[in-house]
Amino acid sequence: MSESINPYAPPAAKILSLSQNPIGMWTIFVDAWEIFRARFVVISALVLLVWTPCGLFSSYMDYFVFDPADMKASYNFSRLLYYLVGVIATAGMVHVALSHSSDGMITVGQAFRAGLRAWPRMAWTQFLTDAFLVLSFVLLVVPCLYLLPRLLLVESVVVCEGLSGNAAIDRSYALTRGHYWKVFRFMLVVTGIMGAWLAFCWFARAFLSVPDHWLLDVALNLIADVISAYETVLVFCLYRALSQLSDKAYQA
């Protein structure tokens, strides 16, 4: 039988062997924790490098420019910062996770440069993804719930496979085909964990009488950003598992 090759698969050297159940929830979380723990210093430094100036700018706008009741303006501005700068950190974190998967060492500078190289593709793909999700939500909630798991892997696809725009979206859709409910459950668990973490931060700040100062707000948000980086690593591990399954299917 002739062996076919998956044209989208990352280089084989960059995929470590996985367990018997590569997309099991526990396996994904354990693999992600191993990467996050081992590369915590680099990931944290990358997040602080990118998000410290963004956090200062965003918090200043929230406290001194925007109306405190205008949550829409604050949200839209934060999304704009993510498109313009934040995607660099996300791309860099995916690159760190990918390097760890190939037993490669990486510095903060290398991760940052990788994020910069991926920035145009990341920003464009993320804009298209958000546009599709907003349009589907406006038209009907059900298509939005259907698209969310399908588009979950676009950021990892952009960094690991060099795709962008519709090609990255199509690839994410292809990888999740046949695994929709597993990805959906994964997404719910991750969203629940991150939601619980954000709720904890909010309640802790409210009940501990933390002073209301814009610089303190920046510091607390940066701590939350570092911990939330685990979510990016989780999604990468899911991508890695589904990518290997897809590659095996091509070779069958």
C-alpha atoms as a PDB file:
ATOM      1  CA  MET A   1       0.000   0.000   0.000  1.00  0.00           C
ATOM      2  CA  SER A   2       1.420   3.387  -0.944  1.00  0.00           C
ATOM      3  CA  GLU A   3       1.898   5.749   1.966  1.00  0.00           C
ATOM      4  CA  SER A   4       0.182   9.114   1.703  1.00  0.00           C
ATOM      5  CA  ILE A   5       1.517  12.183   3.465  1.00  0.00           C
ATOM      6  CA  ASN A   6      -0.489  14.768   5.349  1.00  0.00           C
ATOM      7  CA  PRO A   7       0.542  18.080   3.734  1.00  0.00           C
ATOM      8  CA  TYR A   8      -0.487  20.083   6.803  1.00  0.00           C
ATOM      9  CA  ALA A   9       1.252  18.032   9.489  1.00  0.00           C
ATOM     10  CA  PRO A  10       4.115  19.661  11.415  1.00  0.00           C
ATOM     11  CA  PRO A  11       7.562  18.065  11.043  1.00  0.00           C
ATOM     12  CA  ALA A  12       7.569  14.616  12.614  1.00  0.00           C
ATOM     13  CA  ALA A  13      10.496  15.520  14.842  1.00  0.00           C
ATOM     14  CA  LYS A  14       8.339  18.091  16.546  1.00  0.00           C
ATOM     15  CA  ILE A  15       5.726  15.613  17.761  1.00  0.00           C
ATOM     16  CA  LEU A  16       6.531  13.452  20.737  1.00  0.00           C
ATOM     17  CA  SER A  17       4.895  10.085  21.220  1.00  0.00           C
ATOM     18  CA  LEU A  18       1.583  10.349  23.044  1.00  0.00           C
ATOM     19  CA  SER A  19      -0.354   8.008  25.263  1.00  0.00           C
ATOM     20  CA  GLN A  20      -2.790   5.364  24.093  1.00  0.00           C
ATOM     21  CA  ASN A  21      -5.631   7.874  24.445  1.00  0.00           C
ATOM     22  CA  PRO A  22      -4.024  11.063  23.070  1.00  0.00           C
ATOM     23  CA  ILE A  23      -7.154  13.200  23.266  1.00  0.00           C
ATOM     24  CA  GLY A  24      -8.251  11.997  26.697  1.00  0.00           C
ATOM     25  CA  MET A  25      -8.983  14.960  28.965  1.00  0.00           C
ATOM     26  CA  TRP A  26      -6.536  13.861  31.637  1.00  0.00           C
ATOM     27  CA  THR A  27      -3.753  13.275  29.122  1.00  0.00           C
ATOM     28  CA  ILE A  28      -4.161  16.762  27.653  1.00  0.00           C
ATOM     29  CA  PHE A  29      -4.091  18.438  31.070  1.00  0.00           C
ATOM     30  CA  VAL A  30      -1.072  16.451  32.261  1.00  0.00           C
ATOM     31  CA  ASP A  31       0.889  17.120  29.060  1.00  0.00           C
ATOM     32  CA  ALA A  32       0.024  20.830  29.211  1.00  0.00           C
ATOM     33  CA  TRP A  33       1.034  21.066  32.862  1.00  0.00           C
ATOM     34  CA  GLU A  34       4.383  19.425  32.123  1.00  0.00           C
ATOM     35  CA  ILE A  35       5.102  22.007  29.412  1.00  0.00           C
ATOM     36  CA  PHE A  36       3.816  24.921  31.481  1.00  0.00           C
ATOM     37  CA  ARG A  37       5.850  23.866  34.530  1.00  0.00           C
ATOM     38  CA  ALA A  38       9.032  23.199  32.576  1.00  0.00           C
ATOM     39  CA  ARG A  39       8.846  26.436  30.564  1.00  0.00           C
ATOM     40  CA  PHE A  40       7.205  28.632  33.197  1.00  0.00           C
ATOM     41  CA  VAL A  41      10.066  31.130  33.373  1.00  0.00           C
ATOM     42  CA  VAL A  42      10.156  31.684  29.610  1.00  0.00           C
ATOM     43  CA  ILE A  43       6.356  31.827  29.309  1.00  0.00           C
ATOM     44  CA  SER A  44       6.042  34.253  32.228  1.00  0.00           C
ATOM     45  CA  ALA A  45       8.792  36.508  30.922  1.00  0.00           C
ATOM     46  CA  LEU A  46       7.201  36.539  27.462  1.00  0.00           C
ATOM     47  CA  VAL A  47       3.776  37.441  28.866  1.00  0.00           C
ATOM     48  CA  LEU A  48       5.261  40.240  30.977  1.00  0.00           C
ATOM     49  CA  LEU A  49       7.345  41.540  28.074  1.00  0.00           C
ATOM     50  CA  VAL A  50       4.337  41.854  25.778  1.00  0.00           C
ATOM     51  CA  TRP A  51       1.489  42.599  28.164  1.00  0.00           C
ATOM     52  CA  THR A  52       3.108  45.046  30.616  1.00  0.00           C
ATOM     53  CA  PRO A  53       2.986  48.002  28.193  1.00  0.00           C
ATOM     54  CA  CYS A  54      -0.412  46.862  26.918  1.00  0.00           C
ATOM     55  CA  GLY A  55      -1.717  46.556  30.468  1.00  0.00           C
ATOM     56  CA  LEU A  56      -0.456  50.006  31.401  1.00  0.00           C
ATOM     57  CA  PHE A  57      -2.088  51.541  28.326  1.00  0.00           C
ATOM     58  CA  SER A  58      -5.360  49.658  28.773  1.00  0.00           C
ATOM     59  CA  SER A  59      -5.678  50.379  32.497  1.00  0.00           C
ATOM     60  CA  TYR A  60      -4.879  54.056  31.964  1.00  0.00           C
ATOM     61  CA  MET A  61      -7.624  54.292  29.349  1.00  0.00           C
ATOM     62  CA  ASP A  62     -10.103  52.511  31.638  1.00  0.00           C
ATOM     63  CA  TYR A  63      -9.386  54.769  34.613  1.00  0.00           C
ATOM     64  CA  PHE A  64      -8.843  58.165  32.969  1.00  0.00           C
ATOM     65  CA  VAL A  65     -10.416  58.155  29.492  1.00  0.00           C
ATOM     66  CA  PHE A  66     -13.362  55.749  29.188  1.00  0.00           C
ATOM     67  CA  ASP A  67     -16.592  56.164  31.072  1.00  0.00           C
ATOM     68  CA  PRO A  68     -16.531  53.591  33.936  1.00  0.00           C
ATOM     69  CA  ALA A  69     -19.995  52.437  32.844  1.00  0.00           C
ATOM     70  CA  ASP A  70     -18.928  51.971  29.221  1.00  0.00           C
ATOM     71  CA  MET A  71     -17.849  48.347  29.304  1.00  0.00           C
ATOM     72  CA  LYS A  72     -18.156  48.082  25.517  1.00  0.00           C
ATOM     73  CA  ALA A  73     -15.458  50.694  24.919  1.00  0.00           C
ATOM     74  CA  SER A  74     -13.131  48.973  27.379  1.00  0.00           C
ATOM     75  CA  TYR A  75     -13.705  45.550  25.790  1.00  0.00           C
ATOM     76  CA  ASN A  76     -13.280  46.823  22.221  1.00  0.00           C
ATOM     77  CA  PHE A  77     -10.045  48.567  23.171  1.00  0.00           C
ATOM     78  CA  SER A  78      -8.676  45.440  24.839  1.00  0.00           C
ATOM     79  CA  ARG A  79      -9.486  43.392  21.718  1.00  0.00           C
ATOM     80  CA  LEU A  80      -7.740  45.990  19.566  1.00  0.00           C
ATOM     81  CA  LEU A  81      -4.644  45.689  21.746  1.00  0.00           C
ATOM     82  CA  TYR A  82      -4.800  41.926  21.398  1.00  0.00           C
ATOM     83  CA  TYR A  83      -4.900  42.133  17.591  1.00  0.00           C
ATOM     84  CA  LEU A  84      -2.089  44.690  17.471  1.00  0.00           C
ATOM     85  CA  VAL A  85       0.225  43.305  20.167  1.00  0.00           C
ATOM     86  CA  GLY A  86      -1.260  40.503  22.259  1.00  0.00           C
ATOM     87  CA  VAL A  87      -1.152  37.911  19.495  1.00  0.00           C
ATOM     88  CA  ILE A  88       2.643  38.163  19.633  1.00  0.00           C
ATOM     89  CA  ALA A  89       2.591  36.678  23.135  1.00  0.00           C
ATOM     90  CA  THR A  90       0.121  33.964  22.134  1.00  0.00           C
ATOM     91  CA  ALA A  91       2.189  32.978  19.099  1.00  0.00           C
ATOM     92  CA  GLY A  92       5.353  33.014  21.184  1.00  0.00           C
ATOM     93  CA  MET A  93       3.793  30.734  23.811  1.00  0.00           C
ATOM     94  CA  VAL A  94       2.699  28.245  21.166  1.00  0.00           C
ATOM     95  CA  HIS A  95       6.236  28.316  19.788  1.00  0.00           C
ATOM     96  CA  VAL A  96       7.619  27.623  23.288  1.00  0.00           C
ATOM     97  CA  ALA A  97       5.279  24.643  23.659  1.00  0.00           C
ATOM     98  CA  LEU A  98       6.219  23.360  20.203  1.00  0.00           C
ATOM     99  CA  SER A  99       9.934  23.650  21.001  1.00  0.00           C
ATOM    100  CA  HIS A 100       9.419  21.776  24.262  1.00  0.00           C
ATOM    101  CA  SER A 101       7.644  19.005  22.347  1.00  0.00           C
ATOM    102  CA  SER A 102      10.756  18.535  20.227  1.00  0.00           C
ATOM    103  CA  ASP A 103      13.037  18.621  23.289  1.00  0.00           C
ATOM    104  CA  GLY A 104      14.408  21.967  22.141  1.00  0.00           C
ATOM    105  CA  MET A 105      15.521  24.779  24.430  1.00  0.00           C
ATOM    106  CA  ILE A 106      14.268  28.275  23.703  1.00  0.00           C
ATOM    107  CA  THR A 107      14.954  31.716  25.128  1.00  0.00           C
ATOM    108  CA  VAL A 108      12.550  34.573  25.707  1.00  0.00           C
ATOM    109  CA  GLY A 109      14.118  36.465  22.810  1.00  0.00           C
ATOM    110  CA  GLN A 110      13.645  33.542  20.433  1.00  0.00           C
ATOM    111  CA  ALA A 111      10.023  33.124  21.527  1.00  0.00           C
ATOM    112  CA  PHE A 112       9.382  36.845  21.075  1.00  0.00           C
ATOM    113  CA  ARG A 113      10.918  36.857  17.601  1.00  0.00           C
ATOM    114  CA  ALA A 114       8.823  33.814  16.663  1.00  0.00           C
ATOM    115  CA  GLY A 115       5.746  35.698  17.836  1.00  0.00           C
ATOM    116  CA  LEU A 116       6.726  38.713  15.751  1.00  0.00           C
ATOM    117  CA  ARG A 117       7.173  36.571  12.649  1.00  0.00           C
ATOM    118  CA  ALA A 118       3.743  35.029  13.153  1.00  0.00           C
ATOM    119  CA  TRP A 119       2.063  38.338  14.007  1.00  0.00           C
ATOM    120  CA  PRO A 120       0.581  39.206  10.561  1.00  0.00           C
ATOM    121  CA  ARG A 121      -0.844  35.696  10.141  1.00  0.00           C
ATOM    122  CA  MET A 122      -2.091  35.552  13.739  1.00  0.00           C
ATOM    123  CA  ALA A 123      -3.767  38.960  13.661  1.00  0.00           C
ATOM    124  CA  TRP A 124      -5.522  38.320  10.344  1.00  0.00           C
ATOM    125  CA  THR A 125      -6.641  34.820  11.293  1.00  0.00           C
ATOM    126  CA  GLN A 126      -7.885  35.929  14.707  1.00  0.00           C
ATOM    127  CA  PHE A 127      -9.823  38.789  13.120  1.00  0.00           C
ATOM    128  CA  LEU A 128     -11.502  36.405  10.661  1.00  0.00           C
ATOM    129  CA  THR A 129     -12.259  33.929  13.442  1.00  0.00           C
ATOM    130  CA  ASP A 130     -13.851  36.577  15.634  1.00  0.00           C
ATOM    131  CA  ALA A 131     -15.817  37.926  12.663  1.00  0.00           C
ATOM    132  CA  PHE A 132     -17.226  34.457  11.913  1.00  0.00           C
ATOM    133  CA  LEU A 133     -18.145  33.923  15.567  1.00  0.00           C
ATOM    134  CA  VAL A 134     -19.813  37.319  15.950  1.00  0.00           C
ATOM    135  CA  LEU A 135     -21.756  36.872  12.712  1.00  0.00           C
ATOM    136  CA  SER A 136     -22.895  33.385  13.728  1.00  0.00           C
ATOM    137  CA  PHE A 137     -23.931  34.654  17.168  1.00  0.00           C
ATOM    138  CA  VAL A 138     -25.935  37.520  15.682  1.00  0.00           C
ATOM    139  CA  LEU A 139     -27.722  35.219  13.255  1.00  0.00           C
ATOM    140  CA  LEU A 140     -28.319  32.350  15.653  1.00  0.00           C
ATOM    141  CA  VAL A 141     -26.731  31.053  18.863  1.00  0.00           C
ATOM    142  CA  VAL A 142     -26.555  27.415  17.743  1.00  0.00           C
ATOM    143  CA  PRO A 143     -24.116  28.017  14.835  1.00  0.00           C
ATOM    144  CA  CYS A 144     -21.885  29.958  17.243  1.00  0.00           C
ATOM    145  CA  LEU A 145     -21.771  27.009  19.646  1.00  0.00           C
ATOM    146  CA  TYR A 146     -20.997  24.771  16.690  1.00  0.00           C
ATOM    147  CA  LEU A 147     -18.196  26.999  15.395  1.00  0.00           C
ATOM    148  CA  LEU A 148     -16.434  27.601  18.723  1.00  0.00           C
ATOM    149  CA  PRO A 149     -14.969  24.069  19.015  1.00  0.00           C
ATOM    150  CA  ARG A 150     -14.273  23.945  15.283  1.00  0.00           C
ATOM    151  CA  LEU A 151     -12.182  27.124  15.412  1.00  0.00           C
ATOM    152  CA  LEU A 152     -10.449  26.422  18.704  1.00  0.00           C
ATOM    153  CA  LEU A 153      -7.154  25.332  17.135  1.00  0.00           C
ATOM    154  CA  VAL A 154      -6.558  28.206  14.706  1.00  0.00           C
ATOM    155  CA  GLU A 155      -3.804  29.863  16.756  1.00  0.00           C
ATOM    156  CA  SER A 156      -1.822  26.646  17.095  1.00  0.00           C
ATOM    157  CA  VAL A 157      -2.322  25.943  13.391  1.00  0.00           C
ATOM    158  CA  VAL A 158      -1.000  29.389  12.439  1.00  0.00           C
ATOM    159  CA  VAL A 159       2.212  28.960  14.441  1.00  0.00           C
ATOM    160  CA  CYS A 160       2.881  25.245  13.931  1.00  0.00           C
ATOM    161  CA  GLU A 161       1.893  24.906  10.276  1.00  0.00           C
ATOM    162  CA  GLY A 162       2.451  28.399   8.888  1.00  0.00           C
ATOM    163  CA  LEU A 163      -1.099  28.786   7.612  1.00  0.00           C
ATOM    164  CA  SER A 164      -3.264  31.886   7.925  1.00  0.00           C
ATOM    165  CA  GLY A 165      -6.746  33.192   7.244  1.00  0.00           C
ATOM    166  CA  ASN A 166      -9.209  30.792   5.683  1.00  0.00           C
ATOM    167  CA  ALA A 167      -6.538  28.091   5.288  1.00  0.00           C
ATOM    168  CA  ALA A 168      -5.904  28.045   9.054  1.00  0.00           C
ATOM    169  CA  ILE A 169      -9.641  28.005   9.749  1.00  0.00           C
ATOM    170  CA  ASP A 170     -10.168  25.132   7.319  1.00  0.00           C
ATOM    171  CA  ARG A 171      -7.307  23.203   8.923  1.00  0.00           C
ATOM    172  CA  SER A 172      -8.742  23.673  12.426  1.00  0.00           C
ATOM    173  CA  TYR A 173     -12.100  22.518  11.121  1.00  0.00           C
ATOM    174  CA  ALA A 174     -10.504  19.433   9.533  1.00  0.00           C
ATOM    175  CA  LEU A 175      -8.603  18.493  12.701  1.00  0.00           C
ATOM    176  CA  THR A 176     -11.737  18.626  14.847  1.00  0.00           C
ATOM    177  CA  ARG A 177     -13.860  16.667  12.353  1.00  0.00           C
ATOM    178  CA  GLY A 178     -15.085  13.511  14.068  1.00  0.00           C
ATOM    179  CA  HIS A 179     -14.050  14.849  17.489  1.00  0.00           C
ATOM    180  CA  TYR A 180     -16.591  17.634  17.936  1.00  0.00           C
ATOM    181  CA  TRP A 181     -18.061  16.498  21.254  1.00  0.00           C
ATOM    182  CA  LYS A 182     -14.665  15.708  22.753  1.00  0.00           C
ATOM    183  CA  VAL A 183     -13.412  19.157  21.790  1.00  0.00           C
ATOM    184  CA  PHE A 184     -16.651  20.724  23.020  1.00  0.00           C
ATOM    185  CA  ARG A 185     -16.297  19.046  26.428  1.00  0.00           C
ATOM    186  CA  PHE A 186     -12.654  20.072  26.554  1.00  0.00           C
ATOM    187  CA  MET A 187     -13.624  23.661  25.789  1.00  0.00           C
ATOM    188  CA  LEU A 188     -16.304  23.645  28.502  1.00  0.00           C
ATOM    189  CA  VAL A 189     -13.882  22.315  31.123  1.00  0.00           C
ATOM    190  CA  VAL A 190     -11.184  24.852  30.221  1.00  0.00           C
ATOM    191  CA  THR A 191     -13.710  27.697  30.144  1.00  0.00           C
ATOM    192  CA  GLY A 192     -15.051  26.592  33.523  1.00  0.00           C
ATOM    193  CA  ILE A 193     -11.579  26.495  35.067  1.00  0.00           C
ATOM    194  CA  MET A 194     -10.608  29.892  33.681  1.00  0.00           C
ATOM    195  CA  GLY A 195     -13.987  31.329  34.663  1.00  0.00           C
ATOM    196  CA  ALA A 196     -13.547  30.045  38.210  1.00  0.00           C
ATOM    197  CA  TRP A 197     -10.070  31.581  38.349  1.00  0.00           C
ATOM    198  CA  LEU A 198     -11.343  34.978  37.176  1.00  0.00           C
ATOM    199  CA  ALA A 199     -14.251  34.807  39.626  1.00  0.00           C
ATOM    200  CA  PHE A 200     -11.830  34.008  42.443  1.00  0.00           C
ATOM    201  CA  CYS A 201      -9.688  37.019  41.521  1.00  0.00           C
ATOM    202  CA  TRP A 202     -12.745  39.278  41.441  1.00  0.00           C
ATOM    203  CA  PHE A 203     -14.104  38.100  44.789  1.00  0.00           C
ATOM    204  CA  ALA A 204     -10.675  38.223  46.426  1.00  0.00           C
ATOM    205  CA  ARG A 205     -10.227  41.780  45.265  1.00  0.00           C
ATOM    206  CA  ALA A 206     -13.722  42.752  46.461  1.00  0.00           C
ATOM    207  CA  PHE A 207     -13.579  41.125  49.902  1.00  0.00           C
ATOM    208  CA  LEU A 208      -9.960  41.900  50.722  1.00  0.00           C
ATOM    209  CA  SER A 209     -10.536  45.631  50.197  1.00  0.00           C
ATOM    210  CA  VAL A 210      -7.783  45.963  47.629  1.00  0.00           C
ATOM    211  CA  PRO A 211      -7.120  49.669  46.934  1.00  0.00           C
ATOM    212  CA  ASP A 212      -8.594  50.889  43.672  1.00  0.00           C
ATOM    213  CA  HIS A 213      -5.510  52.107  41.808  1.00  0.00           C
ATOM    214  CA  TRP A 214      -4.818  51.757  38.116  1.00  0.00           C
ATOM    215  CA  LEU A 215      -1.233  50.531  38.619  1.00  0.00           C
ATOM    216  CA  LEU A 216      -2.387  47.872  41.064  1.00  0.00           C
ATOM    217  CA  ASP A 217      -4.986  46.866  38.476  1.00  0.00           C
ATOM    218  CA  VAL A 218      -2.165  46.407  35.960  1.00  0.00           C
ATOM    219  CA  ALA A 219      -0.194  44.204  38.362  1.00  0.00           C
ATOM    220  CA  LEU A 220      -3.177  41.986  39.159  1.00  0.00           C
ATOM    221  CA  ASN A 221      -4.072  41.633  35.486  1.00  0.00           C
ATOM    222  CA  LEU A 222      -0.495  40.614  34.646  1.00  0.00           C
ATOM    223  CA  ILE A 223      -0.594  37.880  37.291  1.00  0.00           C
ATOM    224  CA  ALA A 224      -3.875  36.655  35.804  1.00  0.00           C
ATOM    225  CA  ASP A 225      -2.340  36.754  32.308  1.00  0.00           C
ATOM    226  CA  VAL A 226       0.599  34.585  33.373  1.00  0.00           C
ATOM    227  CA  ILE A 227      -1.671  31.962  34.925  1.00  0.00           C
ATOM    228  CA  SER A 228      -4.071  32.132  31.962  1.00  0.00           C
ATOM    229  CA  ALA A 229      -1.152  31.231  29.683  1.00  0.00           C
ATOM    230  CA  TYR A 230      -1.804  27.649  30.770  1.00  0.00           C
ATOM    231  CA  GLU A 231      -4.940  27.770  28.613  1.00  0.00           C
ATOM    232  CA  THR A 232      -2.831  28.482  25.516  1.00  0.00           C
ATOM    233  CA  VAL A 233      -0.630  25.486  26.318  1.00  0.00           C
ATOM    234  CA  LEU A 234      -3.719  23.314  26.856  1.00  0.00           C
ATOM    235  CA  VAL A 235      -5.075  24.176  23.421  1.00  0.00           C
ATOM    236  CA  PHE A 236      -1.676  23.471  21.876  1.00  0.00           C
ATOM    237  CA  CYS A 237      -1.631  20.007  23.475  1.00  0.00           C
ATOM    238  CA  LEU A 238      -5.087  19.316  22.063  1.00  0.00           C
ATOM    239  CA  TYR A 239      -3.865  20.457  18.642  1.00  0.00           C
ATOM    240  CA  ARG A 240      -0.797  18.235  18.936  1.00  0.00           C
ATOM    241  CA  ALA A 241      -2.890  15.171  19.737  1.00  0.00           C
ATOM    242  CA  LEU A 242      -5.410  15.755  16.953  1.00  0.00           C
ATOM    243  CA  SER A 243      -2.643  16.539  14.486  1.00  0.00           C
ATOM    244  CA  GLN A 244      -0.937  13.229  15.222  1.00  0.00           C
ATOM    245  CA  LEU A 245      -4.231  11.363  14.838  1.00  0.00           C
ATOM    246  CA  SER A 246      -4.799  13.117  11.513  1.00  0.00           C
ATOM    247  CA  ASP A 247      -1.307  12.233  10.351  1.00  0.00           C
ATOM    248  CA  LYS A 248      -1.843   8.578  11.237  1.00  0.00           C
ATOM    249  CA  ALA A 249      -5.101   8.589   9.274  1.00  0.00           C
ATOM    250  CA  TYR A 250      -3.262   9.872   6.184  1.00  0.00           C
ATOM    251  CA  GLN A 251      -0.651   7.176   6.527  1.00  0.00           C
ATOM    252  CA  ALA A 252      -3.179   4.359   6.907  1.00  0.00           C
END
